[in-house]
Amino acid sequence: MDFKQNQKINQVTEKTLVVGIDIAKRKHFACFVDDRGRVLQKSFSVLQSSDGFQSFYQRILAAMKEYEKTEVIVGIEP
């Protein structure tokens, strides 16, 4: 691994909620995992709209509270 990749990995701590998003044309799919890659919430859909984003944002906030996370890192896969 190179130095930059190690820096990125070190950003993820036990207090980090990792959000993975698979984007699509109209509806995206996201899931939440912890710092060890364990799935906290299975894949769910996110509509590509203002309402869809607001719902997604509220879901992130709720997961942070539920799993006692203080940081979020979002990764997007096209």
N, C-alpha and C. Protein backbone atom coordinates (compact mmCIF):
# COMPACT_ATOMS: atom_id res chain seq x y z
N MET A 1 0.84 -1.19 0.00
CA MET A 1 0.00 0.00 0.00
C MET A 1 0.88 1.24 0.00
N ASP A 2 0.40 2.26 -0.68
CA ASP A 2 1.16 3.50 -0.68
C ASP A 2 0.76 4.38 0.50
N PHE A 3 1.52 5.44 0.69
CA PHE A 3 1.33 6.32 1.84
C PHE A 3 -0.06 6.96 1.85
N LYS A 4 -0.53 7.44 0.69
CA LYS A 4 -1.85 8.08 0.63
C LYS A 4 -2.96 7.11 1.02
N GLN A 5 -2.85 5.86 0.56
CA GLN A 5 -3.87 4.87 0.89
C GLN A 5 -3.88 4.60 2.39
N ASN A 6 -2.70 4.53 3.01
CA ASN A 6 -2.63 4.34 4.45
C ASN A 6 -3.26 5.52 5.19
N GLN A 7 -3.04 6.74 4.69
CA GLN A 7 -3.64 7.91 5.33
C GLN A 7 -5.16 7.82 5.29
N LYS A 8 -5.71 7.40 4.17
CA LYS A 8 -7.15 7.28 4.04
C LYS A 8 -7.70 6.21 4.99
N ILE A 9 -7.02 5.09 5.08
CA ILE A 9 -7.46 4.02 5.97
C ILE A 9 -7.42 4.48 7.42
N ASN A 10 -6.41 5.26 7.78
CA ASN A 10 -6.28 5.74 9.16
C ASN A 10 -7.35 6.74 9.55
N GLN A 11 -8.07 7.30 8.58
CA GLN A 11 -9.16 8.22 8.89
C GLN A 11 -10.35 7.48 9.51
N VAL A 12 -10.45 6.20 9.25
CA VAL A 12 -11.57 5.41 9.76
C VAL A 12 -11.22 4.89 11.15
N THR A 13 -12.02 5.31 12.15
CA THR A 13 -11.79 4.88 13.52
C THR A 13 -13.04 4.18 14.04
N GLU A 14 -13.00 3.75 15.28
CA GLU A 14 -14.17 3.09 15.86
C GLU A 14 -15.36 4.03 16.01
N LYS A 15 -15.13 5.33 15.90
CA LYS A 15 -16.20 6.33 16.00
C LYS A 15 -16.71 6.77 14.62
N THR A 16 -16.28 6.07 13.56
CA THR A 16 -16.65 6.44 12.20
C THR A 16 -17.76 5.55 11.65
N LEU A 17 -18.78 6.19 11.12
CA LEU A 17 -19.82 5.50 10.36
C LEU A 17 -19.39 5.58 8.90
N VAL A 18 -19.20 4.44 8.28
CA VAL A 18 -18.80 4.40 6.88
C VAL A 18 -20.07 4.15 6.05
N VAL A 19 -20.29 5.05 5.10
CA VAL A 19 -21.47 4.97 4.24
C VAL A 19 -21.00 4.65 2.83
N GLY A 20 -21.46 3.54 2.31
CA GLY A 20 -21.14 3.16 0.94
C GLY A 20 -22.34 3.38 0.06
N ILE A 21 -22.13 4.03 -1.08
CA ILE A 21 -23.23 4.32 -1.99
C ILE A 21 -22.90 3.79 -3.38
N ASP A 22 -23.84 3.07 -3.95
CA ASP A 22 -23.76 2.61 -5.33
C ASP A 22 -24.74 3.47 -6.12
N ILE A 23 -24.21 4.35 -6.98
CA ILE A 23 -25.09 5.29 -7.66
C ILE A 23 -25.67 4.70 -8.94
N ALA A 24 -26.84 5.20 -9.28
CA ALA A 24 -27.54 4.79 -10.50
C ALA A 24 -28.27 6.01 -11.05
N LYS A 25 -29.02 5.81 -12.11
CA LYS A 25 -29.65 6.93 -12.79
C LYS A 25 -30.76 7.59 -11.97
N ARG A 26 -31.65 6.83 -11.39
CA ARG A 26 -32.80 7.39 -10.66
C ARG A 26 -32.82 7.06 -9.17
N LYS A 27 -32.29 5.90 -8.84
CA LYS A 27 -32.32 5.44 -7.45
C LYS A 27 -30.96 4.87 -7.10
N HIS A 28 -30.42 5.33 -5.99
CA HIS A 28 -29.12 4.85 -5.52
C HIS A 28 -29.36 3.84 -4.40
N PHE A 29 -28.31 3.11 -4.06
CA PHE A 29 -28.39 2.19 -2.92
C PHE A 29 -27.23 2.48 -1.99
N ALA A 30 -27.52 2.45 -0.69
CA ALA A 30 -26.51 2.75 0.32
C ALA A 30 -26.55 1.70 1.41
N CYS A 31 -25.45 1.58 2.14
CA CYS A 31 -25.41 0.74 3.34
C CYS A 31 -24.45 1.38 4.32
N PHE A 32 -24.58 1.00 5.59
CA PHE A 32 -23.73 1.52 6.65
C PHE A 32 -22.88 0.38 7.20
N VAL A 33 -21.59 0.65 7.37
CA VAL A 33 -20.68 -0.33 7.97
C VAL A 33 -19.84 0.36 9.04
N ASP A 34 -19.21 -0.44 9.89
CA ASP A 34 -18.35 0.12 10.93
C ASP A 34 -16.89 0.11 10.47
N ASP A 35 -16.00 0.46 11.38
CA ASP A 35 -14.58 0.56 11.05
C ASP A 35 -13.94 -0.78 10.68
N ARG A 36 -14.58 -1.88 11.04
CA ARG A 36 -14.04 -3.20 10.71
C ARG A 36 -14.73 -3.82 9.50
N GLY A 37 -15.64 -3.07 8.89
CA GLY A 37 -16.33 -3.57 7.70
C GLY A 37 -17.58 -4.37 8.00
N ARG A 38 -17.99 -4.40 9.25
CA ARG A 38 -19.22 -5.12 9.62
C ARG A 38 -20.44 -4.28 9.22
N VAL A 39 -21.40 -4.94 8.60
CA VAL A 39 -22.60 -4.25 8.14
C VAL A 39 -23.47 -3.86 9.34
N LEU A 40 -23.76 -2.57 9.44
CA LEU A 40 -24.64 -2.07 10.50
C LEU A 40 -26.07 -1.96 10.00
N GLN A 41 -26.22 -1.56 8.74
CA GLN A 41 -27.55 -1.52 8.11
C GLN A 41 -27.39 -2.01 6.68
N LYS A 42 -28.22 -2.98 6.34
CA LYS A 42 -28.18 -3.54 4.99
C LYS A 42 -28.54 -2.49 3.95
N SER A 43 -28.29 -2.82 2.71
CA SER A 43 -28.54 -1.93 1.59
C SER A 43 -29.98 -1.42 1.56
N PHE A 44 -30.12 -0.13 1.33
CA PHE A 44 -31.44 0.49 1.21
C PHE A 44 -31.39 1.51 0.07
N SER A 45 -32.56 1.82 -0.49
CA SER A 45 -32.60 2.72 -1.63
C SER A 45 -32.63 4.18 -1.19
N VAL A 46 -32.07 5.03 -2.06
CA VAL A 46 -32.06 6.48 -1.86
C VAL A 46 -32.53 7.10 -3.17
N LEU A 47 -33.65 7.78 -3.13
CA LEU A 47 -34.17 8.41 -4.33
C LEU A 47 -33.34 9.63 -4.71
N GLN A 48 -33.20 9.85 -5.99
CA GLN A 48 -32.44 11.00 -6.48
C GLN A 48 -33.36 12.21 -6.57
N SER A 49 -33.58 12.81 -5.42
CA SER A 49 -34.44 14.00 -5.32
C SER A 49 -34.08 14.71 -4.02
N SER A 50 -34.61 15.90 -3.87
CA SER A 50 -34.38 16.64 -2.63
C SER A 50 -34.94 15.87 -1.43
N ASP A 51 -36.14 15.33 -1.58
CA ASP A 51 -36.75 14.55 -0.50
C ASP A 51 -35.94 13.29 -0.20
N GLY A 52 -35.45 12.65 -1.26
CA GLY A 52 -34.63 11.45 -1.10
C GLY A 52 -33.35 11.75 -0.34
N PHE A 53 -32.71 12.88 -0.67
CA PHE A 53 -31.48 13.25 0.03
C PHE A 53 -31.77 13.57 1.49
N GLN A 54 -32.85 14.31 1.76
CA GLN A 54 -33.19 14.66 3.14
C GLN A 54 -33.46 13.40 3.97
N SER A 55 -34.16 12.45 3.38
CA SER A 55 -34.43 11.19 4.06
C SER A 55 -33.13 10.44 4.34
N PHE A 56 -32.25 10.42 3.36
CA PHE A 56 -30.94 9.77 3.50
C PHE A 56 -30.13 10.43 4.61
N TYR A 57 -30.12 11.76 4.63
CA TYR A 57 -29.39 12.51 5.66
C TYR A 57 -29.94 12.19 7.05
N GLN A 58 -31.25 12.15 7.20
CA GLN A 58 -31.86 11.83 8.49
C GLN A 58 -31.51 10.41 8.91
N ARG A 59 -31.44 9.52 7.94
CA ARG A 59 -31.08 8.12 8.24
C ARG A 59 -29.63 8.03 8.73
N ILE A 60 -28.75 8.83 8.16
CA ILE A 60 -27.35 8.88 8.62
C ILE A 60 -27.30 9.39 10.05
N LEU A 61 -28.01 10.48 10.33
CA LEU A 61 -28.02 11.04 11.70
C LEU A 61 -28.56 10.03 12.71
N ALA A 62 -29.61 9.31 12.35
CA ALA A 62 -30.18 8.31 13.24
C ALA A 62 -29.19 7.16 13.49
N ALA A 63 -28.49 6.74 12.44
CA ALA A 63 -27.51 5.66 12.59
C ALA A 63 -26.34 6.11 13.46
N MET A 64 -25.92 7.36 13.29
CA MET A 64 -24.83 7.88 14.13
C MET A 64 -25.21 7.81 15.60
N LYS A 65 -26.44 8.19 15.89
CA LYS A 65 -26.91 8.16 17.28
C LYS A 65 -27.03 6.73 17.78
N GLU A 66 -27.64 5.87 16.97
CA GLU A 66 -27.86 4.48 17.38
C GLU A 66 -26.55 3.74 17.63
N TYR A 67 -25.56 3.96 16.77
CA TYR A 67 -24.30 3.22 16.87
C TYR A 67 -23.19 4.03 17.55
N GLU A 68 -23.56 5.19 18.12
CA GLU A 68 -22.63 6.05 18.87
C GLU A 68 -21.41 6.43 18.03
N LYS A 69 -21.67 6.93 16.84
CA LYS A 69 -20.60 7.39 15.94
C LYS A 69 -20.60 8.91 15.92
N THR A 70 -19.42 9.50 15.82
CA THR A 70 -19.29 10.95 15.79
C THR A 70 -18.75 11.46 14.46
N GLU A 71 -18.34 10.56 13.59
CA GLU A 71 -17.78 10.93 12.29
C GLU A 71 -18.43 10.10 11.21
N VAL A 72 -18.42 10.64 9.98
CA VAL A 72 -18.98 9.93 8.84
C VAL A 72 -18.01 10.04 7.67
N ILE A 73 -17.81 8.92 6.99
CA ILE A 73 -17.06 8.93 5.73
C ILE A 73 -17.96 8.27 4.70
N VAL A 74 -18.12 8.96 3.56
CA VAL A 74 -18.97 8.46 2.49
C VAL A 74 -18.09 8.05 1.32
N GLY A 75 -18.33 6.84 0.84
CA GLY A 75 -17.64 6.35 -0.35
C GLY A 75 -18.67 6.08 -1.43
N ILE A 76 -18.38 6.55 -2.65
CA ILE A 76 -19.32 6.40 -3.75
C ILE A 76 -18.71 5.56 -4.84
N GLU A 77 -19.48 4.55 -5.28
CA GLU A 77 -19.03 3.68 -6.36
C GLU A 77 -19.94 3.90 -7.56
N PRO A 78 -19.39 4.39 -8.67
CA PRO A 78 -20.23 4.61 -9.86
C PRO A 78 -20.59 3.29 -10.55
